[in-house]
Amino acid sequence: MSKNTELTPAALYARVSSDRQDVDLSVAAQLRALRDYAERNGYSIAREYVDEAESGRIADRPQFRK
């Protein structure tokens, strides 16, 4: 990324539905992948949101609403 290029702000959102999630799908792994993607594609991370033990079927997840 060029130093003169203005980065696009982005928010990251990670979620797991239970503490029994596979290590590859953990919040830490999701955030790592999202941060890598943001860096490679010209995004600056403005905020990170995490919902733990929240079902993806429920749209009213606390951090997702933000």
Protein backbone atom coordinates (compact mmCIF):
# COMPACT_ATOMS: atom_id res chain seq x y z
CA MET A 1 0.00 0.00 0.00
CA SER A 2 1.39 3.38 -0.96
CA LYS A 3 2.05 5.81 1.88
CA ASN A 4 0.15 8.53 -0.01
CA THR A 5 -3.00 6.47 -0.35
CA GLU A 6 -5.80 7.31 2.05
CA LEU A 7 -7.15 4.21 3.77
CA THR A 8 -10.86 3.45 3.93
CA PRO A 9 -12.13 3.09 7.49
CA ALA A 10 -13.76 -0.23 8.34
CA ALA A 11 -15.21 -2.02 11.35
CA LEU A 12 -14.44 -5.68 12.02
CA TYR A 13 -17.05 -8.09 13.36
CA ALA A 14 -16.27 -11.54 14.76
CA ARG A 15 -18.67 -14.02 16.35
CA VAL A 16 -18.68 -17.50 17.78
CA SER A 17 -21.82 -19.31 18.84
CA SER A 18 -20.26 -21.27 21.71
CA ASP A 19 -17.04 -21.78 23.62
CA ARG A 20 -16.75 -25.13 21.85
CA GLN A 21 -15.99 -23.59 18.45
CA ASP A 22 -13.13 -25.05 16.45
CA VAL A 23 -9.79 -23.26 16.96
CA ASP A 24 -9.75 -22.22 13.29
CA LEU A 25 -13.05 -20.40 13.82
CA SER A 26 -12.17 -18.73 17.13
CA VAL A 27 -12.65 -15.00 17.59
CA ALA A 28 -8.88 -14.52 17.63
CA ALA A 29 -8.49 -16.40 14.33
CA GLN A 30 -11.35 -14.46 12.72
CA LEU A 31 -9.92 -11.12 13.82
CA ARG A 32 -6.44 -12.10 12.62
CA ALA A 33 -7.83 -12.96 9.17
CA LEU A 34 -9.91 -9.77 9.06
CA ARG A 35 -6.94 -7.60 10.06
CA ASP A 36 -4.79 -9.25 7.38
CA TYR A 37 -7.51 -8.64 4.78
CA ALA A 38 -7.86 -5.01 5.83
CA GLU A 39 -4.12 -4.42 5.57
CA ARG A 40 -3.86 -6.05 2.13
CA ASN A 41 -6.87 -4.17 0.75
CA GLY A 42 -6.38 -0.62 1.96
CA TYR A 43 -8.62 -0.45 5.01
CA SER A 44 -7.88 1.19 8.34
CA ILE A 45 -9.56 -0.53 11.26
CA ALA A 46 -11.78 1.97 13.03
CA ARG A 47 -13.38 -0.47 15.48
CA GLU A 48 -13.64 -4.16 16.31
CA TYR A 49 -16.86 -5.79 17.50
CA VAL A 50 -17.07 -9.24 19.06
CA ASP A 51 -20.09 -11.34 20.04
CA GLU A 52 -19.23 -14.51 21.91
CA ALA A 53 -21.71 -17.33 22.47
CA GLU A 54 -24.27 -15.63 20.20
CA SER A 55 -26.24 -17.53 17.60
CA GLY A 56 -25.95 -16.36 13.99
CA ARG A 57 -29.66 -17.03 13.60
CA ILE A 58 -30.49 -14.18 15.96
CA ALA A 59 -30.24 -10.79 14.25
CA ASP A 60 -30.48 -8.96 17.58
CA ARG A 61 -26.88 -9.70 18.63
CA PRO A 62 -25.47 -6.91 20.86
CA GLN A 63 -22.33 -6.02 18.90
CA PHE A 64 -23.93 -6.67 15.49
CA ARG A 65 -26.52 -3.95 16.19
CA LYS A 66 -23.75 -1.35 16.53
